[in-house]
Amino acid sequence: MKGRRWTEEEDRYLRERVLQSISSGGSQLDAFDEVGKKMGRTAGACGFRWNAVLRQQDPESYSDAKKKRVYTQLQRKRRPRFESLSRIGESLAEVERQWFYKKNHVEQLKKQIQYLDQEIHALEGVNRSSAEIEKKSEQLTQKELQERYQDLLHLVDEIQQQPAFAKFFSEMKFDFPVTDGKSDRDTSS
């Protein structure tokens, strides 16, 4: 349908869509594409009609739409700043709360470490004392065993010196010979 004339209704629709797109911060090309699809025209034909005819007919509306776009863009830029400033304030407050929480937590951990260090020191002392007691106990037990062993050897020597038992021991064939009341162990010392 090349060369088809533009109707007043098509012109009005194209003008409204382009001005609305410009005002809201969109592009003219998007408006041309949208209108072209709706009217069965190419985006290039819509762009040519806008630039060659419609924009020239009403330059004030075009200028107003551009001003609205600038105003809208400024509002968009300002709003996030205010929102981001309030978010920054909220974030700072949250960071401060977290900092105090962490600080208190660190203080509690320091106290726990100090307490555990004291416990370790006390347990090390108990461990040292326990080791010393165990060592002394072992020494006493060993000394007592040696004393009993010596007592037992003395008792055996006394028994061997008795004439009635000397014959008994010689017949029993103990590993230590009976000789005038003394064992081999006593002679070696």
Protein backbone atom coordinates (compact mmCIF):
# COMPACT_ATOMS: atom_id res chain seq x y z
CA MET A 1 0.00 0.00 0.00
CA LYS A 2 2.73 2.34 -0.90
CA GLY A 3 1.77 5.97 -1.24
CA ARG A 4 -1.40 5.71 0.79
CA ARG A 5 -2.44 9.04 2.24
CA TRP A 6 -2.47 9.73 5.94
CA THR A 7 -5.88 10.35 7.48
CA GLU A 8 -6.51 12.90 10.21
CA GLU A 9 -7.19 10.06 12.62
CA GLU A 10 -3.82 8.41 11.81
CA ASP A 11 -2.03 11.76 12.19
CA ARG A 12 -3.70 12.38 15.56
CA TYR A 13 -2.85 8.88 16.82
CA LEU A 14 0.79 9.18 15.63
CA ARG A 15 1.11 12.63 17.28
CA GLU A 16 -0.37 11.41 20.60
CA ARG A 17 1.81 8.30 20.78
CA VAL A 18 5.05 10.12 19.87
CA LEU A 19 4.40 12.99 22.31
CA GLN A 20 3.44 10.54 25.05
CA SER A 21 6.57 8.47 24.41
CA ILE A 22 8.79 11.58 24.52
CA SER A 23 7.10 12.87 27.70
CA SER A 24 7.51 9.60 29.55
CA GLY A 25 11.20 9.32 28.63
CA GLY A 26 10.78 6.76 25.86
CA SER A 27 12.15 7.05 22.34
CA GLN A 28 10.44 8.28 19.21
CA LEU A 29 11.60 5.16 17.38
CA ASP A 30 9.63 2.95 19.76
CA ALA A 31 6.51 5.07 19.14
CA PHE A 32 7.05 4.89 15.35
CA ASP A 33 7.37 1.12 15.53
CA GLU A 34 4.23 0.74 17.69
CA VAL A 35 2.10 3.04 15.53
CA GLY A 36 3.39 1.46 12.30
CA LYS A 37 2.35 -2.00 13.42
CA LYS A 38 -1.09 -0.81 14.45
CA MET A 39 -1.71 1.08 11.18
CA GLY A 40 -0.03 -1.33 8.80
CA ARG A 41 2.76 1.13 7.97
CA THR A 42 6.52 0.91 8.40
CA ALA A 43 8.31 2.58 11.30
CA GLY A 44 10.24 4.61 8.67
CA ALA A 45 6.98 5.93 7.14
CA CYS A 46 5.74 6.95 10.59
CA GLY A 47 9.06 8.66 11.36
CA PHE A 48 9.01 10.53 8.08
CA ARG A 49 5.42 11.68 8.63
CA TRP A 50 6.28 12.88 12.17
CA ASN A 51 9.46 14.75 11.23
CA ALA A 52 8.28 16.20 7.93
CA VAL A 53 4.72 17.18 8.78
CA LEU A 54 3.35 16.70 12.31
CA ARG A 55 6.23 18.10 14.34
CA GLN A 56 6.28 21.21 12.15
CA GLN A 57 2.56 21.75 12.61
CA ASP A 58 2.73 21.87 16.42
CA PRO A 59 6.30 22.69 17.61
CA GLU A 60 5.00 23.84 21.01
CA SER A 61 3.61 20.40 21.89
CA TYR A 62 6.91 18.83 20.87
CA SER A 63 8.81 21.31 23.09
CA ASP A 64 6.43 20.72 26.02
CA ALA A 65 6.85 16.94 25.68
CA LYS A 66 10.65 17.35 25.80
CA LYS A 67 10.37 19.55 28.90
CA LYS A 68 8.17 16.93 30.56
CA ARG A 69 10.77 14.28 29.71
CA VAL A 70 13.54 16.34 31.30
CA TYR A 71 11.37 16.96 34.36
CA THR A 72 10.51 13.23 34.62
CA GLN A 73 14.15 12.25 34.28
CA LEU A 74 15.15 14.74 36.96
CA GLN A 75 12.45 13.37 39.26
CA ARG A 76 13.68 9.83 38.66
CA LYS A 77 17.23 10.87 39.47
CA ARG A 78 16.21 12.79 42.60
CA ARG A 79 13.89 10.17 43.98
CA PRO A 80 16.50 7.44 44.15
CA ARG A 81 18.85 9.89 45.84
CA PHE A 82 16.35 10.60 48.57
CA GLU A 83 15.43 6.95 48.76
CA SER A 84 19.07 5.96 48.74
CA LEU A 85 19.84 8.55 51.43
CA SER A 86 17.12 7.11 53.63
CA ARG A 87 18.38 3.61 52.81
CA ILE A 88 21.89 4.73 53.69
CA GLY A 89 20.61 6.04 57.01
CA GLU A 90 18.81 2.77 57.66
CA SER A 91 21.88 0.82 56.62
CA LEU A 92 24.09 2.88 58.89
CA ALA A 93 21.72 2.30 61.79
CA GLU A 94 21.76 -1.45 61.06
CA VAL A 95 25.56 -1.43 60.79
CA GLU A 96 25.74 0.38 64.12
CA ARG A 97 23.41 -2.17 65.75
CA GLN A 98 25.46 -5.01 64.32
CA TRP A 99 28.69 -3.35 65.48
CA PHE A 100 27.41 -3.05 69.05
CA TYR A 101 26.19 -6.64 68.95
CA LYS A 102 29.56 -7.88 67.64
CA LYS A 103 31.42 -5.72 70.16
CA ASN A 104 29.40 -7.20 73.03
CA HIS A 105 29.88 -10.68 71.60
CA VAL A 106 33.65 -10.13 71.42
CA GLU A 107 33.67 -8.93 75.05
CA GLN A 108 31.78 -12.06 76.10
CA LEU A 109 34.21 -14.24 74.17
CA LYS A 110 37.16 -12.48 75.84
CA LYS A 111 35.63 -13.19 79.25
CA GLN A 112 35.09 -16.82 78.28
CA ILE A 113 38.69 -17.10 77.10
CA GLN A 114 39.91 -15.57 80.35
CA TYR A 115 37.77 -17.98 82.38
CA LEU A 116 38.95 -20.96 80.31
CA ASP A 117 42.59 -19.85 80.71
CA GLN A 118 42.08 -19.83 84.48
CA GLU A 119 40.49 -23.28 84.31
CA ILE A 120 43.39 -24.60 82.22
CA HIS A 121 45.89 -23.13 84.67
CA ALA A 122 44.06 -24.71 87.61
CA LEU A 123 43.84 -28.08 85.85
CA GLU A 124 47.53 -27.94 84.98
CA GLY A 125 48.24 -27.38 88.68
CA VAL A 126 46.00 -30.30 89.62
CA ASN A 127 47.69 -32.41 86.95
CA ARG A 128 51.15 -31.53 88.31
CA SER A 129 50.04 -32.30 91.86
CA SER A 130 48.44 -35.55 90.74
CA ALA A 131 51.61 -36.58 88.92
CA GLU A 132 53.70 -35.78 92.01
CA ILE A 133 51.32 -37.72 94.26
CA GLU A 134 51.35 -40.64 91.86
CA LYS A 135 55.15 -40.60 91.75
CA LYS A 136 55.41 -40.45 95.56
CA SER A 137 52.83 -43.21 95.88
CA GLU A 138 54.78 -45.37 93.47
CA GLN A 139 57.98 -44.71 95.37
CA LEU A 140 56.33 -45.60 98.69
CA THR A 141 54.83 -48.76 97.24
CA GLN A 142 58.19 -49.79 95.82
CA LYS A 143 59.91 -49.06 99.15
CA GLU A 144 57.28 -51.06 101.03
CA LEU A 145 57.68 -53.98 98.62
CA GLN A 146 61.44 -53.92 99.09
CA GLU A 147 61.05 -53.87 102.88
CA ARG A 148 58.63 -56.82 102.79
CA TYR A 149 60.95 -58.69 100.47
CA GLN A 150 63.84 -58.13 102.86
CA ASP A 151 61.65 -59.24 105.77
CA LEU A 152 60.76 -62.37 103.85
CA LEU A 153 64.41 -63.12 103.13
CA HIS A 154 65.24 -62.67 106.81
CA LEU A 155 62.43 -65.02 107.76
CA VAL A 156 63.67 -67.65 105.30
CA ASP A 157 67.21 -67.29 106.69
CA GLU A 158 65.96 -67.76 110.25
CA ILE A 159 63.97 -70.84 109.26
CA GLN A 160 66.97 -72.30 107.48
CA GLN A 161 69.07 -71.91 110.59
CA GLN A 162 66.74 -74.21 112.54
CA PRO A 163 68.21 -77.77 112.45
CA ALA A 164 64.80 -79.44 111.99
CA PHE A 165 63.98 -77.39 108.97
CA ALA A 166 67.45 -77.61 107.39
CA LYS A 167 66.89 -81.30 106.58
CA PHE A 168 63.40 -80.50 105.21
CA PHE A 169 64.76 -77.80 102.91
CA SER A 170 67.56 -80.02 101.64
CA GLU A 171 65.07 -82.74 100.73
CA MET A 172 62.72 -80.28 99.02
CA LYS A 173 65.41 -79.23 96.62
CA PHE A 174 64.74 -75.51 96.63
CA ASP A 175 66.72 -73.50 94.15
CA PHE A 176 68.86 -72.04 96.92
CA PRO A 177 71.04 -74.50 98.84
CA VAL A 178 71.01 -74.63 102.60
CA THR A 179 74.50 -74.07 103.92
CA ASP A 180 75.12 -73.28 107.51
CA GLY A 181 71.97 -71.21 107.71
CA LYS A 182 72.73 -68.78 104.89
CA SER A 183 71.46 -68.76 101.30
CA ASP A 184 73.52 -67.96 98.18
CA ARG A 185 71.83 -64.62 98.03
CA ASP A 186 73.24 -63.57 101.34
CA THR A 187 76.77 -64.65 100.39
CA SER A 188 76.71 -62.66 97.19
CA SER A 189 75.99 -59.40 98.98
